[in-house]
N, C-alpha and C. Protein backbone atom coordinates (compact mmCIF):
# COMPACT_ATOMS: atom_id res chain seq x y z
N MET A 1 203.28 145.58 37.77
CA MET A 1 203.66 146.75 38.53
C MET A 1 205.18 146.84 38.53
N PRO A 2 205.72 147.89 37.97
CA PRO A 2 207.17 147.98 37.87
C PRO A 2 207.87 148.09 39.22
N ASN A 3 207.30 148.80 40.17
CA ASN A 3 207.91 148.98 41.47
C ASN A 3 207.40 147.90 42.42
N SER A 4 208.28 147.07 42.92
CA SER A 4 207.84 146.02 43.85
C SER A 4 208.35 146.28 45.26
N ASP A 5 208.43 147.55 45.63
CA ASP A 5 208.83 147.95 46.97
C ASP A 5 207.87 147.31 47.99
N VAL A 6 208.41 146.69 48.99
CA VAL A 6 207.61 145.99 50.00
C VAL A 6 206.58 146.92 50.64
N LYS A 7 206.91 148.21 50.76
CA LYS A 7 205.97 149.16 51.35
C LYS A 7 204.71 149.32 50.51
N GLU A 8 204.78 148.92 49.27
CA GLU A 8 203.64 149.08 48.35
C GLU A 8 202.96 147.74 48.04
N ILE A 9 203.08 146.78 48.95
CA ILE A 9 202.45 145.47 48.77
C ILE A 9 201.56 145.19 49.98
N ARG A 10 200.34 144.74 49.73
CA ARG A 10 199.41 144.35 50.79
C ARG A 10 198.93 142.93 50.51
N ASN A 11 198.85 142.12 51.55
CA ASN A 11 198.32 140.76 51.44
C ASN A 11 196.98 140.72 52.17
N ILE A 12 195.93 140.39 51.43
CA ILE A 12 194.58 140.39 51.98
C ILE A 12 193.97 139.00 51.81
N ALA A 13 193.53 138.41 52.92
CA ALA A 13 192.86 137.10 52.87
C ALA A 13 191.36 137.30 52.80
N ILE A 14 190.71 136.42 52.07
CA ILE A 14 189.25 136.41 52.02
C ILE A 14 188.80 135.19 52.82
N LEU A 15 188.00 135.42 53.86
CA LEU A 15 187.66 134.40 54.84
C LEU A 15 186.16 134.18 54.97
N SER A 16 185.76 132.95 55.18
CA SER A 16 184.39 132.60 55.55
C SER A 16 184.23 131.09 55.51
N HIS A 17 183.02 130.65 55.80
CA HIS A 17 182.71 129.22 55.67
C HIS A 17 182.63 128.84 54.19
N GLY A 18 182.58 127.55 53.91
CA GLY A 18 182.52 127.08 52.53
C GLY A 18 181.27 127.54 51.81
N SER A 19 181.43 127.84 50.54
CA SER A 19 180.33 128.25 49.65
C SER A 19 179.69 129.58 50.04
N ALA A 20 180.43 130.44 50.71
CA ALA A 20 179.92 131.76 51.06
C ALA A 20 180.15 132.78 49.96
N GLY A 21 181.01 132.44 48.98
CA GLY A 21 181.28 133.34 47.88
C GLY A 21 182.68 133.94 47.88
N LYS A 22 183.60 133.34 48.62
CA LYS A 22 184.97 133.88 48.71
C LYS A 22 185.66 133.93 47.36
N THR A 23 185.64 132.82 46.65
CA THR A 23 186.33 132.75 45.36
C THR A 23 185.68 133.68 44.35
N SER A 24 184.36 133.75 44.36
CA SER A 24 183.65 134.65 43.44
C SER A 24 184.02 136.11 43.70
N LEU A 25 184.11 136.49 44.97
CA LEU A 25 184.52 137.86 45.30
C LEU A 25 185.96 138.10 44.85
N ALA A 26 186.84 137.15 45.10
CA ALA A 26 188.24 137.30 44.69
C ALA A 26 188.35 137.48 43.18
N ASP A 27 187.63 136.67 42.41
CA ASP A 27 187.63 136.80 40.95
C ASP A 27 187.09 138.17 40.53
N ALA A 28 186.03 138.63 41.18
CA ALA A 28 185.43 139.92 40.84
C ALA A 28 186.39 141.08 41.14
N ILE A 29 187.14 140.98 42.22
CA ILE A 29 188.13 142.01 42.55
C ILE A 29 189.18 142.09 41.44
N LEU A 30 189.67 140.94 41.01
CA LEU A 30 190.69 140.94 39.94
C LEU A 30 190.14 141.53 38.66
N TYR A 31 188.89 141.22 38.33
CA TYR A 31 188.29 141.75 37.10
C TYR A 31 188.08 143.26 37.22
N THR A 32 187.57 143.71 38.34
CA THR A 32 187.33 145.14 38.56
C THR A 32 188.63 145.94 38.50
N ALA A 33 189.70 145.37 39.02
CA ALA A 33 191.01 146.04 39.01
C ALA A 33 191.74 145.86 37.68
N GLU A 34 191.08 145.20 36.73
CA GLU A 34 191.62 144.95 35.39
C GLU A 34 192.89 144.09 35.41
N SER A 35 192.97 143.19 36.39
CA SER A 35 194.07 142.23 36.43
C SER A 35 193.81 141.06 35.49
N ILE A 36 192.53 140.84 35.18
CA ILE A 36 192.13 139.84 34.20
C ILE A 36 191.24 140.53 33.18
N ASP A 37 191.24 140.01 31.96
CA ASP A 37 190.55 140.68 30.85
C ASP A 37 189.06 140.41 30.77
N ALA A 38 188.61 139.29 31.31
CA ALA A 38 187.21 138.91 31.18
C ALA A 38 186.72 138.33 32.50
N PRO A 39 185.42 138.44 32.75
CA PRO A 39 184.88 137.83 33.97
C PRO A 39 185.09 136.31 33.96
N VAL A 40 185.34 135.75 35.12
CA VAL A 40 185.48 134.30 35.28
C VAL A 40 184.56 133.88 36.42
N SER A 41 184.31 132.58 36.54
CA SER A 41 183.44 132.14 37.62
C SER A 41 183.74 130.71 38.05
N VAL A 42 183.39 130.45 39.30
CA VAL A 42 183.52 129.10 39.85
C VAL A 42 182.64 128.15 39.07
N ASP A 43 181.39 128.57 38.80
CA ASP A 43 180.45 127.70 38.08
C ASP A 43 180.93 127.34 36.68
N ALA A 44 181.60 128.27 36.02
CA ALA A 44 182.11 128.01 34.67
C ALA A 44 183.39 127.18 34.69
N GLY A 45 183.97 127.02 35.87
CA GLY A 45 185.19 126.23 36.00
C GLY A 45 186.45 126.95 35.57
N ASN A 46 186.38 128.28 35.44
CA ASN A 46 187.55 129.03 34.97
C ASN A 46 188.04 130.08 35.97
N SER A 47 187.72 129.90 37.25
CA SER A 47 188.18 130.82 38.28
C SER A 47 189.70 130.90 38.29
N VAL A 48 190.21 132.09 38.51
CA VAL A 48 191.65 132.31 38.61
C VAL A 48 192.22 131.54 39.81
N PHE A 49 191.42 131.32 40.82
CA PHE A 49 191.90 130.78 42.09
C PHE A 49 191.77 129.27 42.23
N MET A 50 191.13 128.61 41.30
CA MET A 50 190.95 127.16 41.40
C MET A 50 191.84 126.46 40.40
N HIS A 51 192.76 125.65 40.92
CA HIS A 51 193.74 124.99 40.06
C HIS A 51 193.62 123.47 40.06
N GLU A 52 193.24 122.91 41.17
CA GLU A 52 193.17 121.46 41.30
C GLU A 52 191.90 120.93 40.64
N PRO A 53 192.00 119.81 39.93
CA PRO A 53 190.81 119.22 39.30
C PRO A 53 189.68 118.97 40.29
N GLU A 54 190.02 118.55 41.51
CA GLU A 54 188.99 118.30 42.51
C GLU A 54 188.28 119.59 42.92
N GLU A 55 189.01 120.69 43.01
CA GLU A 55 188.39 121.98 43.32
C GLU A 55 187.41 122.38 42.23
N ILE A 56 187.83 122.24 41.00
CA ILE A 56 186.98 122.62 39.86
C ILE A 56 185.74 121.74 39.81
N ALA A 57 185.91 120.44 40.00
CA ALA A 57 184.78 119.51 39.95
C ALA A 57 183.80 119.75 41.10
N ARG A 58 184.31 119.97 42.30
CA ARG A 58 183.45 120.17 43.48
C ARG A 58 182.97 121.61 43.64
N LYS A 59 183.64 122.54 42.95
CA LYS A 59 183.34 123.97 43.05
C LYS A 59 183.56 124.49 44.47
N ILE A 60 184.66 124.02 45.08
CA ILE A 60 185.05 124.48 46.41
C ILE A 60 186.55 124.72 46.43
N THR A 61 187.00 125.56 47.36
CA THR A 61 188.43 125.80 47.55
C THR A 61 188.97 124.79 48.55
N ILE A 62 190.02 124.10 48.16
CA ILE A 62 190.66 123.12 49.02
C ILE A 62 192.01 123.63 49.51
N THR A 63 192.72 124.34 48.64
CA THR A 63 194.02 124.92 49.01
C THR A 63 193.97 126.43 48.79
N ALA A 64 194.66 127.16 49.63
CA ALA A 64 194.71 128.61 49.46
C ALA A 64 195.38 128.94 48.13
N ALA A 65 194.90 129.98 47.49
CA ALA A 65 195.46 130.41 46.21
C ALA A 65 195.58 131.93 46.20
N VAL A 66 196.57 132.42 45.45
CA VAL A 66 196.86 133.85 45.43
C VAL A 66 196.68 134.41 44.03
N GLY A 67 196.04 135.56 43.96
CA GLY A 67 195.97 136.36 42.75
C GLY A 67 196.39 137.77 43.13
N PHE A 68 196.65 138.63 42.15
CA PHE A 68 197.05 139.98 42.53
C PHE A 68 196.35 141.01 41.67
N ALA A 69 196.24 142.19 42.25
CA ALA A 69 195.67 143.34 41.55
C ALA A 69 196.54 144.54 41.89
N ASP A 70 196.80 145.36 40.90
CA ASP A 70 197.50 146.62 41.13
C ASP A 70 196.45 147.71 41.20
N TRP A 71 196.47 148.47 42.30
CA TRP A 71 195.45 149.49 42.51
C TRP A 71 196.11 150.73 43.08
N LYS A 72 196.10 151.81 42.30
CA LYS A 72 196.64 153.10 42.74
C LYS A 72 198.07 152.96 43.26
N GLY A 73 198.90 152.24 42.52
CA GLY A 73 200.30 152.10 42.86
C GLY A 73 200.62 151.07 43.93
N VAL A 74 199.63 150.33 44.37
CA VAL A 74 199.84 149.31 45.40
C VAL A 74 199.52 147.94 44.81
N ARG A 75 200.41 147.00 45.04
CA ARG A 75 200.16 145.61 44.64
C ARG A 75 199.37 144.95 45.77
N ILE A 76 198.17 144.47 45.46
CA ILE A 76 197.34 143.80 46.45
C ILE A 76 197.28 142.32 46.10
N ASN A 77 197.85 141.51 46.97
CA ASN A 77 197.77 140.06 46.82
C ASN A 77 196.50 139.59 47.50
N ILE A 78 195.61 139.00 46.72
CA ILE A 78 194.34 138.49 47.22
C ILE A 78 194.53 137.00 47.48
N ILE A 79 194.26 136.56 48.70
CA ILE A 79 194.42 135.15 49.05
C ILE A 79 193.05 134.56 49.31
N ASP A 80 192.65 133.65 48.41
CA ASP A 80 191.39 132.92 48.55
C ASP A 80 191.66 131.72 49.46
N THR A 81 190.86 131.57 50.50
CA THR A 81 191.11 130.52 51.49
C THR A 81 189.98 129.50 51.54
N PRO A 82 190.28 128.28 51.95
CA PRO A 82 189.24 127.27 52.11
C PRO A 82 188.33 127.62 53.29
N GLY A 83 187.08 127.16 53.22
CA GLY A 83 186.14 127.43 54.30
C GLY A 83 185.49 126.19 54.90
N TYR A 84 185.73 125.04 54.30
CA TYR A 84 185.16 123.81 54.86
C TYR A 84 186.05 123.29 55.98
N ILE A 85 185.42 122.68 56.97
CA ILE A 85 186.08 122.29 58.21
C ILE A 85 187.33 121.44 57.98
N ASN A 86 187.32 120.56 56.99
CA ASN A 86 188.46 119.68 56.74
C ASN A 86 189.71 120.43 56.28
N PHE A 87 189.54 121.67 55.83
CA PHE A 87 190.66 122.41 55.24
C PHE A 87 191.01 123.69 56.00
N LEU A 88 190.46 123.85 57.20
CA LEU A 88 190.65 125.11 57.93
C LEU A 88 192.09 125.36 58.38
N GLU A 89 192.87 124.32 58.57
CA GLU A 89 194.28 124.55 58.94
C GLU A 89 195.03 125.23 57.80
N GLU A 90 194.63 124.97 56.57
CA GLU A 90 195.20 125.67 55.41
C GLU A 90 194.89 127.17 55.53
N THR A 91 193.67 127.47 55.94
CA THR A 91 193.27 128.87 56.13
C THR A 91 194.07 129.51 57.25
N ARG A 92 194.18 128.82 58.37
CA ARG A 92 194.94 129.36 59.50
C ARG A 92 196.38 129.67 59.08
N GLY A 93 196.98 128.78 58.32
CA GLY A 93 198.36 128.98 57.89
C GLY A 93 198.55 130.23 57.05
N THR A 94 197.57 130.58 56.24
CA THR A 94 197.69 131.78 55.40
C THR A 94 197.66 133.06 56.22
N LEU A 95 197.02 133.00 57.37
CA LEU A 95 196.83 134.22 58.16
C LEU A 95 198.13 134.75 58.76
N ARG A 96 199.16 133.95 58.78
CA ARG A 96 200.45 134.41 59.31
C ARG A 96 201.11 135.43 58.38
N ALA A 97 200.61 135.51 57.14
CA ALA A 97 201.29 136.36 56.15
C ALA A 97 200.40 137.47 55.59
N VAL A 98 199.30 137.79 56.28
CA VAL A 98 198.40 138.80 55.72
C VAL A 98 198.40 140.09 56.53
N ASP A 99 198.06 141.17 55.83
CA ASP A 99 197.95 142.49 56.46
C ASP A 99 196.52 142.79 56.90
N GLY A 100 195.57 142.09 56.31
CA GLY A 100 194.17 142.33 56.61
C GLY A 100 193.33 141.22 56.01
N ALA A 101 192.03 141.25 56.33
CA ALA A 101 191.14 140.21 55.83
C ALA A 101 189.76 140.78 55.53
N ILE A 102 189.12 140.17 54.56
CA ILE A 102 187.72 140.43 54.25
C ILE A 102 186.95 139.21 54.76
N LEU A 103 186.07 139.42 55.72
CA LEU A 103 185.25 138.34 56.25
C LEU A 103 183.91 138.38 55.55
N ILE A 104 183.58 137.31 54.86
CA ILE A 104 182.32 137.26 54.13
C ILE A 104 181.23 136.66 55.00
N ILE A 105 180.09 137.34 55.03
CA ILE A 105 178.89 136.84 55.68
C ILE A 105 177.86 136.63 54.57
N SER A 106 177.39 135.41 54.41
CA SER A 106 176.40 135.11 53.38
C SER A 106 175.04 135.66 53.77
N ALA A 107 174.38 136.34 52.84
CA ALA A 107 173.04 136.87 53.09
C ALA A 107 172.00 135.76 53.14
N ILE A 108 172.39 134.55 52.77
CA ILE A 108 171.48 133.41 52.81
C ILE A 108 171.69 132.59 54.08
N SER A 109 172.92 132.17 54.32
CA SER A 109 173.18 131.27 55.44
C SER A 109 173.69 131.97 56.69
N GLY A 110 174.07 133.23 56.59
CA GLY A 110 174.58 133.95 57.75
C GLY A 110 175.90 133.40 58.23
N VAL A 111 176.11 133.44 59.54
CA VAL A 111 177.34 132.96 60.15
C VAL A 111 177.18 131.47 60.46
N LYS A 112 178.16 130.68 60.05
CA LYS A 112 178.19 129.25 60.38
C LYS A 112 179.34 128.99 61.34
N ALA A 113 179.39 127.77 61.88
CA ALA A 113 180.43 127.42 62.85
C ALA A 113 181.83 127.64 62.28
N GLU A 114 182.02 127.32 61.00
CA GLU A 114 183.33 127.51 60.39
C GLU A 114 183.71 128.99 60.34
N THR A 115 182.71 129.85 60.09
CA THR A 115 182.96 131.29 60.05
C THR A 115 183.44 131.77 61.42
N GLU A 116 182.79 131.28 62.46
CA GLU A 116 183.20 131.65 63.82
C GLU A 116 184.63 131.21 64.10
N LYS A 117 184.97 129.99 63.69
CA LYS A 117 186.32 129.46 63.93
C LYS A 117 187.36 130.29 63.18
N ILE A 118 187.07 130.61 61.92
CA ILE A 118 188.00 131.41 61.11
C ILE A 118 188.14 132.82 61.69
N TYR A 119 187.04 133.39 62.15
CA TYR A 119 187.09 134.71 62.78
C TYR A 119 188.01 134.68 64.00
N LYS A 120 187.92 133.61 64.78
CA LYS A 120 188.79 133.47 65.96
C LYS A 120 190.25 133.39 65.53
N PHE A 121 190.54 132.68 64.44
CA PHE A 121 191.92 132.64 63.93
C PHE A 121 192.41 134.07 63.67
N ALA A 122 191.58 134.86 62.99
CA ALA A 122 191.96 136.24 62.64
C ALA A 122 192.16 137.07 63.91
N CYS A 123 191.33 136.86 64.91
CA CYS A 123 191.50 137.57 66.19
C CYS A 123 192.81 137.15 66.86
N ASP A 124 193.10 135.85 66.84
CA ASP A 124 194.34 135.35 67.46
C ASP A 124 195.57 136.01 66.87
N TYR A 125 195.54 136.27 65.55
CA TYR A 125 196.68 136.90 64.87
C TYR A 125 196.55 138.42 64.80
N GLU A 126 195.51 138.96 65.43
CA GLU A 126 195.26 140.41 65.48
C GLU A 126 195.23 141.03 64.08
N ILE A 127 194.51 140.39 63.19
CA ILE A 127 194.41 140.84 61.81
C ILE A 127 193.23 141.80 61.67
N PRO A 128 193.46 142.98 61.12
CA PRO A 128 192.34 143.90 60.86
C PRO A 128 191.36 143.25 59.88
N ARG A 129 190.07 143.47 60.13
CA ARG A 129 189.04 142.83 59.31
C ARG A 129 187.97 143.82 58.90
N ILE A 130 187.40 143.55 57.74
CA ILE A 130 186.21 144.24 57.28
C ILE A 130 185.26 143.15 56.80
N ALA A 131 183.98 143.37 56.94
CA ALA A 131 183.00 142.36 56.54
C ALA A 131 182.37 142.74 55.20
N PHE A 132 181.96 141.72 54.49
CA PHE A 132 181.31 141.87 53.18
C PHE A 132 180.14 140.90 53.17
N VAL A 133 178.95 141.40 52.86
CA VAL A 133 177.77 140.54 52.78
C VAL A 133 177.62 140.07 51.34
N SER A 134 177.65 138.76 51.15
CA SER A 134 177.60 138.16 49.82
C SER A 134 176.22 137.58 49.52
N LYS A 135 176.04 137.20 48.28
CA LYS A 135 174.86 136.47 47.78
C LYS A 135 173.56 137.28 47.91
N LEU A 136 173.67 138.59 47.80
CA LEU A 136 172.48 139.44 47.91
C LEU A 136 171.54 139.28 46.71
N ASP A 137 172.04 138.70 45.63
CA ASP A 137 171.22 138.50 44.44
C ASP A 137 170.52 137.14 44.43
N LYS A 138 170.68 136.36 45.47
CA LYS A 138 170.11 135.01 45.53
C LYS A 138 168.78 134.99 46.27
N GLU A 139 168.00 133.95 45.99
CA GLU A 139 166.72 133.77 46.66
C GLU A 139 166.94 133.61 48.17
N ARG A 140 166.06 134.21 48.96
CA ARG A 140 166.10 134.20 50.43
C ARG A 140 167.20 135.07 51.02
N ALA A 141 167.80 135.95 50.22
CA ALA A 141 168.84 136.85 50.73
C ALA A 141 168.23 137.83 51.73
N ASP A 142 168.93 138.04 52.83
CA ASP A 142 168.47 138.98 53.86
C ASP A 142 169.68 139.72 54.43
N PHE A 143 169.90 140.91 53.92
CA PHE A 143 171.05 141.72 54.32
C PHE A 143 171.05 141.98 55.82
N PHE A 144 169.91 142.37 56.36
CA PHE A 144 169.86 142.76 57.77
C PHE A 144 170.02 141.56 58.70
N ARG A 145 169.58 140.39 58.28
CA ARG A 145 169.84 139.18 59.08
C ARG A 145 171.35 138.90 59.12
N ALA A 146 172.02 139.07 57.97
CA ALA A 146 173.47 138.85 57.91
C ALA A 146 174.20 139.84 58.83
N VAL A 147 173.79 141.09 58.80
CA VAL A 147 174.40 142.10 59.68
C VAL A 147 174.09 141.76 61.14
N GLY A 148 172.87 141.31 61.41
CA GLY A 148 172.50 140.90 62.77
C GLY A 148 173.35 139.75 63.27
N ASP A 149 173.60 138.77 62.39
CA ASP A 149 174.48 137.66 62.75
C ASP A 149 175.88 138.16 63.07
N MET A 150 176.36 139.09 62.25
CA MET A 150 177.70 139.63 62.46
C MET A 150 177.77 140.31 63.83
N GLU A 151 176.76 141.08 64.17
CA GLU A 151 176.74 141.75 65.47
C GLU A 151 176.62 140.74 66.61
N LYS A 152 175.83 139.69 66.41
CA LYS A 152 175.63 138.67 67.44
C LYS A 152 176.91 137.89 67.72
N TYR A 153 177.62 137.50 66.67
CA TYR A 153 178.76 136.60 66.83
C TYR A 153 180.12 137.30 66.89
N PHE A 154 180.24 138.48 66.31
CA PHE A 154 181.57 139.07 66.17
C PHE A 154 181.72 140.46 66.77
N CYS A 155 180.87 141.37 66.42
CA CYS A 155 181.09 142.77 66.74
C CYS A 155 179.77 143.43 67.09
N LYS A 156 179.61 143.77 68.34
CA LYS A 156 178.34 144.34 68.79
C LYS A 156 178.02 145.69 68.15
N ASN A 157 179.05 146.40 67.70
CA ASN A 157 178.85 147.74 67.16
C ASN A 157 179.26 147.83 65.70
N ALA A 158 178.88 146.84 64.91
CA ALA A 158 179.23 146.85 63.48
C ALA A 158 178.60 148.07 62.82
N ILE A 159 179.34 148.69 61.94
CA ILE A 159 178.86 149.87 61.21
C ILE A 159 178.70 149.49 59.75
N VAL A 160 177.50 149.68 59.23
CA VAL A 160 177.23 149.40 57.82
C VAL A 160 177.75 150.58 57.00
N LEU A 161 178.65 150.30 56.06
CA LEU A 161 179.23 151.36 55.23
C LEU A 161 178.44 151.57 53.94
N GLN A 162 177.74 150.54 53.51
CA GLN A 162 176.98 150.65 52.27
C GLN A 162 175.77 149.74 52.35
N LEU A 163 174.61 150.25 51.97
CA LEU A 163 173.39 149.46 51.94
C LEU A 163 173.17 148.91 50.54
N PRO A 164 172.61 147.71 50.44
CA PRO A 164 172.33 147.17 49.11
C PRO A 164 171.15 147.88 48.46
N ILE A 165 171.15 147.89 47.15
CA ILE A 165 170.01 148.40 46.39
C ILE A 165 169.24 147.18 45.91
N GLY A 166 168.14 146.89 46.56
CA GLY A 166 167.33 145.73 46.21
C GLY A 166 167.93 144.44 46.76
N LEU A 167 167.16 143.37 46.65
CA LEU A 167 167.59 142.04 47.06
C LEU A 167 167.07 141.03 46.05
N GLU A 168 167.64 139.84 46.09
CA GLU A 168 167.24 138.74 45.22
C GLU A 168 167.27 139.18 43.76
N ASP A 169 166.18 138.96 43.02
CA ASP A 169 166.17 139.30 41.59
C ASP A 169 166.09 140.80 41.34
N LYS A 170 165.87 141.60 42.38
CA LYS A 170 165.83 143.06 42.23
C LYS A 170 167.15 143.72 42.67
N PHE A 171 168.13 142.91 43.01
CA PHE A 171 169.43 143.43 43.45
C PHE A 171 170.13 144.12 42.29
N SER A 172 170.58 145.36 42.54
CA SER A 172 171.28 146.09 41.48
C SER A 172 172.54 146.79 41.98
N GLY A 173 172.90 146.60 43.21
CA GLY A 173 174.14 147.20 43.69
C GLY A 173 174.16 147.43 45.16
């Protein structure tokens, strides 16, 4: 992006408990925005956001990592954050520098204790949030249970902006 005016830069953190799909969503955002030429994945060991050998071997995020996408004249810095309890202070530290956050709720596991803790961090810093339900293509996925968890633990009046088309092996969008 030729223009790096601060007014045209947004920092967005992706938050949730471990293995909820944060890194996969971050990689997909970069691919969709054409910041990377080919799809990458945590399972293949070629995620843009995983740099440490231990992260690649364990398939988990240990340290926050940044990627960027240019979208309609705005540079969006995507910050992939750790979700396991041992690394949550790394996540808290990233929240001091973000404009907003995507909170992932897994359609399989719903809200976990770590998700609640991370959500509280975001509330403490008054960070605007939007939720994203992940893993809708996996066995035992339940979109409405995930939304119910979100309403139970975070927001009594959550508004669904988009419904999934199918679930599990019938998921298509």
